[in-house]
Protein backbone atom coordinates (compact mmCIF):
# COMPACT_ATOMS: atom_id res chain seq x y z
CA UNK A 1 92.24 169.15 157.93
CA UNK A 2 89.97 168.31 160.98
CA UNK A 3 86.64 167.03 159.14
CA UNK A 4 83.97 168.71 157.49
CA UNK A 5 81.97 171.20 158.95
CA UNK A 6 78.10 171.39 159.31
CA UNK A 7 78.18 174.80 156.98
CA UNK A 8 80.95 172.43 154.64
CA UNK A 9 78.34 169.32 154.03
CA UNK A 10 75.33 171.78 153.73
CA UNK A 11 76.85 173.88 151.38
CA UNK A 12 77.70 170.54 149.41
CA UNK A 13 74.43 170.13 148.86
CA UNK A 14 74.20 172.75 146.59
CA UNK A 15 75.66 173.04 142.73
CA UNK A 16 76.46 174.63 139.34
CA UNK A 17 74.11 172.94 136.52
CA UNK A 18 74.76 175.02 134.00
CA UNK A 19 77.47 176.92 132.47
CA UNK A 20 77.43 179.14 129.00
CA UNK A 21 79.60 181.88 127.10
CA UNK A 22 78.89 184.21 124.13
CA UNK A 23 81.72 184.11 121.55
CA UNK A 24 83.95 186.70 122.90
CA UNK A 25 85.11 189.96 120.87
CA UNK A 26 86.85 193.36 121.33
CA UNK A 27 83.13 194.83 120.59
CA UNK A 28 80.09 192.87 119.10
CA UNK A 29 77.61 194.39 117.02
CA UNK A 30 74.78 193.16 119.39
CA UNK A 31 73.40 194.86 122.26
CA UNK A 32 74.47 193.77 126.28
CA UNK A 33 70.71 192.63 126.77
CA UNK A 34 71.05 190.55 123.47
CA UNK A 35 74.06 188.60 124.56
CA UNK A 36 73.18 188.29 128.08
CA UNK A 37 70.17 186.50 126.85
CA UNK A 38 71.80 184.47 124.58
CA UNK A 39 73.85 183.23 127.40
CA UNK A 40 71.22 182.72 129.99
CA UNK A 41 69.45 180.25 126.95
CA UNK A 42 72.38 178.73 126.56
CA UNK A 43 73.07 178.26 130.19
CA UNK A 44 69.60 176.95 130.71
CA UNK A 45 69.81 174.34 127.86
CA UNK A 46 73.42 173.40 129.81
CA UNK A 47 71.56 172.62 132.81
CA UNK A 48 68.68 170.57 130.93
CA UNK A 49 66.50 173.24 132.02
CA UNK A 50 63.82 175.76 130.80
CA UNK A 51 63.19 179.38 131.75
CA UNK A 52 59.97 178.02 133.76
CA UNK A 53 62.33 176.19 135.95
CA UNK A 54 64.17 179.24 137.14
CA UNK A 55 63.01 181.08 140.63
CA UNK A 56 65.71 183.18 141.57
CA UNK A 57 68.13 185.78 139.42
CA UNK A 58 71.19 187.59 140.25
CA UNK A 59 71.74 190.01 136.97
CA UNK A 60 72.11 193.48 136.62
CA UNK A 61 69.91 195.28 134.52
CA UNK A 62 71.28 196.02 131.12
CA UNK A 63 68.70 198.02 129.87
CA UNK A 64 67.26 199.80 127.57
CA UNK A 65 63.97 200.19 129.98
CA UNK A 66 63.77 198.75 133.28
CA UNK A 67 65.13 200.39 136.25
CA UNK A 68 67.57 203.24 136.84
CA UNK A 69 68.73 201.45 140.12
CA UNK A 70 71.30 199.22 139.72
CA UNK A 71 72.10 196.42 139.98
CA UNK A 72 68.45 195.85 138.83
CA UNK A 73 67.86 191.64 138.96
CA UNK A 74 63.92 191.92 139.14
CA UNK A 75 63.37 193.46 135.82
CA UNK A 76 65.15 190.35 134.37
CA UNK A 77 61.98 188.85 135.45
CA UNK A 78 59.68 190.56 133.44
CA UNK A 79 61.99 190.17 130.44
CA UNK A 80 61.96 186.21 130.99
CA UNK A 81 58.44 186.06 131.31
CA UNK A 82 58.29 184.75 134.89
CA UNK A 83 57.85 185.46 138.57
CA UNK A 84 60.83 184.93 140.92
CA UNK A 85 60.64 184.19 144.20
CA UNK A 86 64.50 185.59 145.43
CA UNK A 87 66.59 188.34 143.67
CA UNK A 88 69.87 188.68 144.65
CA UNK A 89 70.82 192.37 143.99
CA UNK A 90 73.87 192.61 146.76
CA UNK A 91 76.51 191.78 143.73
CA UNK A 92 75.03 189.69 141.37
CA UNK A 93 78.01 188.47 139.71
CA UNK A 94 80.62 185.52 139.75
CA UNK A 95 81.60 184.06 143.64
CA UNK A 96 79.10 186.57 145.57
CA UNK A 97 76.61 185.93 143.28
CA UNK A 98 76.86 181.58 143.77
CA UNK A 99 77.05 181.95 147.50
CA UNK A 100 74.18 184.34 147.98
CA UNK A 101 72.31 181.93 145.54
CA UNK A 102 73.24 178.85 147.90
CA UNK A 103 71.93 180.71 150.50
CA UNK A 104 68.82 181.31 149.26
CA UNK A 105 68.62 177.40 148.03
CA UNK A 106 69.42 176.02 151.62
CA UNK A 107 67.11 178.46 153.02
CA UNK A 108 64.26 177.41 150.57
CA UNK A 109 64.26 180.76 148.96
CA UNK A 110 64.43 179.58 145.30
CA UNK A 111 65.18 176.41 143.65
CA UNK A 112 67.41 177.38 140.68
CA UNK A 113 69.02 180.36 140.31
CA UNK A 114 69.79 181.76 137.03
CA UNK A 115 72.97 184.50 137.29
CA UNK A 116 73.90 186.32 133.99
CA UNK A 117 76.19 189.50 133.31
CA UNK A 118 78.11 190.66 130.16
CA UNK A 119 78.53 193.94 127.88
CA UNK A 120 77.81 194.71 124.37
CA UNK A 121 78.62 197.25 121.69
CA UNK A 122 79.48 200.10 124.59
CA UNK A 123 82.94 199.79 124.03
CA UNK A 124 85.01 201.76 121.12
CA UNK A 125 85.76 205.27 120.18
CA UNK A 126 89.41 206.01 121.46
CA UNK A 127 88.04 205.95 125.47
CA UNK A 128 89.02 203.74 128.05
CA UNK A 129 85.87 201.41 129.26
CA UNK A 130 83.34 203.88 131.66
CA UNK A 131 83.36 200.90 134.43
CA UNK A 132 87.20 201.38 134.77
CA UNK A 133 86.62 205.07 135.45
CA UNK A 134 83.77 205.59 138.27
CA UNK A 135 82.18 208.55 138.93
CA UNK A 136 83.56 208.75 142.83
CA UNK A 137 84.67 212.16 143.86
CA UNK A 138 88.52 211.27 144.22
CA UNK A 139 88.16 208.89 140.75
CA UNK A 140 86.95 210.52 138.01
CA UNK A 141 88.17 214.34 138.34
CA UNK A 142 91.89 212.93 138.65
CA UNK A 143 91.81 209.96 135.49
CA UNK A 144 92.48 207.63 138.36
CA UNK A 145 91.18 204.49 136.15
CA UNK A 146 91.08 200.98 137.92
CA UNK A 147 94.47 200.15 136.94
CA UNK A 148 96.47 203.17 138.27
CA UNK A 149 94.42 201.71 141.58
CA UNK A 150 95.97 198.47 141.21
CA UNK A 151 99.19 200.41 140.22
CA UNK A 152 99.35 201.94 143.69
CA UNK A 153 99.19 198.38 145.49
CA UNK A 154 101.85 196.74 142.59
CA UNK A 155 104.35 199.65 143.54
CA UNK A 156 104.66 199.02 147.12
CA UNK A 157 104.57 195.24 146.81
CA UNK A 158 107.63 195.24 144.30
CA UNK A 159 109.01 197.98 146.71
CA UNK A 160 109.07 195.91 149.78
CA UNK A 161 109.27 192.66 148.51
CA UNK A 162 112.00 192.93 146.34
CA UNK A 163 110.77 190.14 143.50
CA UNK A 164 112.30 189.86 140.51
CA UNK A 165 110.53 191.54 137.90
CA UNK A 166 111.37 189.34 135.45
CA UNK A 167 109.38 186.57 136.94
CA UNK A 168 105.92 188.82 137.68
CA UNK A 169 106.36 189.46 133.77
CA UNK A 170 106.50 186.05 133.25
CA UNK A 171 103.46 185.20 135.24
CA UNK A 172 101.72 187.43 132.39
CA UNK A 173 103.14 185.87 129.76
CA UNK A 174 102.16 182.10 130.63
CA UNK A 175 98.83 183.61 131.19
CA UNK A 176 98.70 185.11 128.13
CA UNK A 177 100.09 182.35 126.15
CA UNK A 178 97.24 180.12 127.40
CA UNK A 179 95.03 182.46 125.60
CA UNK A 180 96.84 182.28 122.39
CA UNK A 181 96.28 178.88 122.15
CA UNK A 182 92.52 178.82 122.73
CA UNK A 183 90.74 179.22 119.95
CA UNK A 184 87.77 181.39 121.98
CA UNK A 185 89.74 183.88 123.46
CA UNK A 186 89.49 187.52 122.28
CA UNK A 187 93.89 186.54 121.92
CA UNK A 188 93.65 183.82 120.20
CA UNK A 189 96.71 183.63 117.79
CA UNK A 190 98.53 186.58 119.88
CA UNK A 191 102.01 185.36 121.05
CA UNK A 192 103.83 183.66 122.09
CA UNK A 193 104.60 186.23 124.69
CA UNK A 194 107.84 185.84 127.32
CA UNK A 195 108.98 188.25 130.16
CA UNK A 196 111.35 190.44 127.91
CA UNK A 197 108.29 191.68 125.58
CA UNK A 198 105.94 192.02 128.39
CA UNK A 199 108.34 194.73 129.63
CA UNK A 200 109.00 195.62 126.49
CA UNK A 201 104.99 196.44 125.94
CA UNK A 202 103.83 200.17 126.70
CA UNK A 203 103.47 201.50 130.16
CA UNK A 204 99.79 201.94 131.18
CA UNK A 205 100.22 203.05 135.00
CA UNK A 206 103.85 202.70 136.73
CA UNK A 207 104.76 199.50 137.48
CA UNK A 208 102.11 197.70 135.15
CA UNK A 209 102.52 197.23 131.16
CA UNK A 210 100.14 196.62 128.61
CA UNK A 211 100.72 193.48 128.67
CA UNK A 212 100.49 192.98 132.24
CA UNK A 213 96.70 193.87 132.69
CA UNK A 214 93.74 192.99 131.65
CA UNK A 215 91.55 193.06 128.53
CA UNK A 216 88.63 195.79 127.81
CA UNK A 217 86.38 193.21 125.71
CA UNK A 218 82.77 192.53 124.71
CA UNK A 219 80.42 189.20 125.39
CA UNK A 220 78.56 187.71 127.83
CA UNK A 221 78.34 184.92 130.88
CA UNK A 222 75.89 182.69 132.70
CA UNK A 223 75.61 180.24 135.07
CA UNK A 224 72.83 178.05 136.77
CA UNK A 225 73.22 177.61 140.45
CA UNK A 226 70.22 174.77 141.90
CA UNK A 227 70.11 171.39 144.45
CA UNK A 228 72.78 168.79 143.67
CA UNK A 229 69.86 166.76 143.70
CA UNK A 230 68.43 168.39 141.00
CA UNK A 231 71.91 168.86 139.02
CA UNK A 232 72.14 165.17 139.01
CA UNK A 233 69.31 164.93 136.49
CA UNK A 234 71.47 167.47 133.92
CA UNK A 235 73.29 166.66 130.87
CA UNK A 236 76.72 167.04 132.75
CA UNK A 237 78.27 165.46 136.14
CA UNK A 238 77.51 167.36 139.37
CA UNK A 239 80.24 170.14 140.29
CA UNK A 240 79.09 171.06 144.07
CA UNK A 241 80.07 173.75 146.05
CA UNK A 242 82.94 172.67 148.84
CA UNK A 243 83.84 176.10 150.64
CA UNK A 244 83.59 179.99 149.77
CA UNK A 245 84.02 183.51 151.69
CA UNK A 246 84.43 187.51 151.16
CA UNK A 247 86.24 189.81 152.31
CA UNK A 248 85.64 193.49 152.08
CA UNK A 249 87.75 196.55 153.26
CA UNK A 250 85.80 199.21 151.51
CA UNK A 251 84.01 200.26 148.63
CA UNK A 252 86.01 200.65 145.31
CA UNK A 253 88.06 202.74 143.27
CA UNK A 254 86.78 205.72 146.32
CA UNK A 255 90.03 206.09 148.30
CA UNK A 256 93.39 205.09 147.31
CA UNK A 257 94.29 201.74 148.58
CA UNK A 258 97.08 201.26 150.60
CA UNK A 259 99.15 197.91 150.51
CA UNK A 260 99.34 197.44 154.29
CA UNK A 261 95.65 197.90 154.76
CA UNK A 262 94.39 195.56 151.49
CA UNK A 263 97.98 193.54 150.77
CA UNK A 264 96.31 190.39 153.37
CA UNK A 265 92.88 190.86 151.38
CA UNK A 266 91.50 187.24 150.65
CA UNK A 267 93.89 185.40 153.37
CA UNK A 268 90.72 185.85 155.86
CA UNK A 269 88.77 184.38 153.39
CA UNK A 270 90.59 182.01 151.97
CA UNK A 271 91.32 180.64 155.25
CA UNK A 272 87.82 180.06 156.05
CA UNK A 273 86.68 178.37 152.64
CA UNK A 274 88.94 175.86 152.99
CA UNK A 275 88.78 175.12 156.70
CA UNK A 276 84.50 174.91 155.29
CA UNK A 277 85.46 172.36 152.59
CA UNK A 278 88.47 170.15 154.98
CA UNK A 279 90.46 171.05 152.03
CA UNK A 280 94.50 172.60 152.09
CA UNK A 281 95.71 174.82 149.14
CA UNK A 282 97.44 171.68 148.02
CA UNK A 283 94.52 169.88 147.23
CA UNK A 284 93.56 172.51 144.64
CA UNK A 285 93.78 170.80 140.72
CA UNK A 286 93.48 174.26 139.14
CA UNK A 287 93.43 177.55 139.90
CA UNK A 288 90.94 180.60 138.32
CA UNK A 289 92.48 183.69 139.43
CA UNK A 290 90.89 187.36 138.92
CA UNK A 291 93.65 188.63 136.92
CA UNK A 292 92.82 192.21 136.74
CA UNK A 293 96.86 192.32 136.64
CA UNK A 294 99.46 189.58 136.73
CA UNK A 295 100.98 191.69 140.09
CA UNK A 296 97.53 190.60 141.53
CA UNK A 297 97.96 186.99 140.65
CA UNK A 298 100.92 186.77 142.25
CA UNK A 299 99.90 188.43 145.57
CA UNK A 300 96.87 186.11 145.51
CA UNK A 301 98.74 183.13 144.94
CA UNK A 302 100.89 184.41 148.58
CA UNK A 303 97.65 184.67 150.89
CA UNK A 304 95.58 182.28 149.22
CA UNK A 305 98.53 180.05 150.95
CA UNK A 306 100.90 178.38 148.38
CA UNK A 307 104.00 180.21 149.42
CA UNK A 308 105.18 183.40 151.37
CA UNK A 309 104.27 186.96 151.24
CA UNK A 310 106.72 188.33 148.50
CA UNK A 311 107.98 184.63 146.76
CA UNK A 312 104.75 184.37 144.75
CA UNK A 313 106.50 185.22 141.63
CA UNK A 314 109.29 182.93 142.51
CA UNK A 315 107.17 180.19 143.53
CA UNK A 316 105.03 180.43 140.07
CA UNK A 317 107.98 180.39 137.70
CA UNK A 318 109.63 177.21 139.34
CA UNK A 319 106.53 174.81 139.76
CA UNK A 320 104.90 176.58 136.72
CA UNK A 321 101.23 178.00 135.78
CA UNK A 322 99.99 175.26 132.53
CA UNK A 323 97.82 172.51 132.80
CA UNK A 324 100.46 169.91 132.85
CA UNK A 325 102.38 172.10 135.77
CA UNK A 326 102.88 172.17 139.54
CA UNK A 327 100.05 174.95 139.65
CA UNK A 328 97.13 175.56 136.85
CA UNK A 329 96.36 179.14 136.67
CA UNK A 330 93.69 180.70 134.39
CA UNK A 331 93.56 177.77 131.93
CA UNK A 332 91.83 180.10 129.17
CA UNK A 333 93.63 182.53 128.81
CA UNK A 334 92.16 184.67 131.87
CA UNK A 335 91.14 188.58 131.93
CA UNK A 336 94.30 188.70 130.51
CA UNK A 337 94.05 187.71 127.44
CA UNK A 338 90.72 185.57 127.05
CA UNK A 339 88.18 188.17 128.00
CA UNK A 340 87.23 190.78 130.35
CA UNK A 341 83.47 191.22 129.83
CA UNK A 342 82.69 193.95 132.48
CA UNK A 343 80.26 193.57 134.96
CA UNK A 344 80.10 189.90 133.93
CA UNK A 345 83.79 188.99 134.25
CA UNK A 346 83.63 187.31 137.66
CA UNK A 347 81.18 184.71 135.92
CA UNK A 348 83.48 183.60 133.41
CA UNK A 349 86.08 182.55 136.12
CA UNK A 350 83.19 180.13 137.70
CA UNK A 351 81.91 179.11 134.28
CA UNK A 352 86.04 177.53 133.19
CA UNK A 353 86.20 176.05 136.51
CA UNK A 354 83.14 174.52 135.86
CA UNK A 355 84.65 173.64 132.39
CA UNK A 356 87.42 171.73 133.95
CA UNK A 357 85.73 169.73 136.58
CA UNK A 358 83.84 168.13 134.03
CA UNK A 359 86.62 167.79 132.21
CA UNK A 360 85.65 169.32 129.12
CA UNK A 361 87.42 172.34 128.45
CA UNK A 362 87.90 173.28 125.03
CA UNK A 363 91.77 174.57 125.80
CA UNK A 364 94.21 173.95 128.56
CA UNK A 365 92.24 171.24 129.98
CA UNK A 366 94.00 169.67 133.40
CA UNK A 367 93.82 166.09 133.36
CA UNK A 368 91.86 164.50 136.28
CA UNK A 369 91.59 167.71 137.55
CA UNK A 370 88.97 167.11 140.89
CA UNK A 371 88.94 170.46 142.90
CA UNK A 372 88.82 174.46 141.43
CA UNK A 373 89.86 177.41 143.11
CA UNK A 374 88.08 180.78 141.57
CA UNK A 375 88.43 183.94 143.12
CA UNK A 376 86.72 187.43 142.71
CA UNK A 377 88.31 191.14 142.32
CA UNK A 378 91.88 192.33 144.02
CA UNK A 379 93.45 194.30 146.48
CA UNK A 380 93.05 197.65 144.43
CA UNK A 381 89.59 197.19 144.15
CA UNK A 382 89.46 196.67 147.74
CA UNK A 383 87.57 194.01 148.41
CA UNK A 384 88.02 189.84 147.31
CA UNK A 385 86.24 186.63 147.27
CA UNK A 386 87.26 182.70 147.20
CA UNK A 387 85.26 179.47 146.15
CA UNK A 388 86.33 176.15 145.83
CA UNK A 389 84.36 173.62 143.66
CA UNK A 390 84.90 169.86 143.13
CA UNK A 391 83.17 167.22 140.69
CA UNK A 392 81.24 164.43 141.22
CA UNK A 393 84.63 162.51 142.02
């Protein structure tokens, strides 16, 4: 550590004041819009704000009505009955939305930004979720679902580094077991799992088994980003931004991902984030990693810098991933067991990190957590991002 940079000092003046999630379910009777409105309302209440305090929005429009172009954040202004000074449509969820909102706040473009996303009433019918099979030229026609893209990376990783296959399955079991004891998780009460049960589950896209890949579920999540001074008036302890960064190799799910091209994605973003925050990976108390697959969790642990390449599964097996272990990861059950709510899924990671730092996580609370790391996307999607958050302590 070499001292706090100017960018790091500036970023600490921005905070997440409010977070919320609706109940998670395999399928809701409510529409996407209804769920998103509920999450937005709860996040505003959590921040001690009203909709009139919001002057920035980053949120994909779920319809009906509004624009046919996505994301369509400006449609939310009309829905909420307000005018806004700023909309963030670049990637209006999760880590990128937080970083974009921080830039708007630091430059005076907005004072308080609402981020919301999710889905409801769209799954079912025996088909894969539409967002896992986008209408891209070499994707839809061949049925190359999202998990097949991540499987390409995982297959080459297994061949090149030869990790113990049972240890990667153990990573999946640990995250799923965190969800099995979380009453809010879609998979609550399912399990416990071990490496054997994971590897005995059906193959989805070789080498990935069913219990190693994320859910498709419904619900919504929201957060409110504002200045740390304004957040000090909120009902909860201030959770400040400490550092963040992103990397993009290409557009997701267009060209097949190659390990040589995307295997190190997140390494640079993580290095910049930790330098900005004047921290190291060892300073992080809890990790909320984007667990599209268990193999992606292993890869992210390595490129973040917790261990050497190829050693991630062995490292996690040795130190443990539970709330009282050496490397707490995905304390709510993650995308593997808590929920994956489509476009809103990246925001779930930020919400759980904030709750951990407040000490109010409903399940899997890490005692005395002061610093949290959040990631989004992964190698199969050909982009990654990371956010560091810290509490008032």
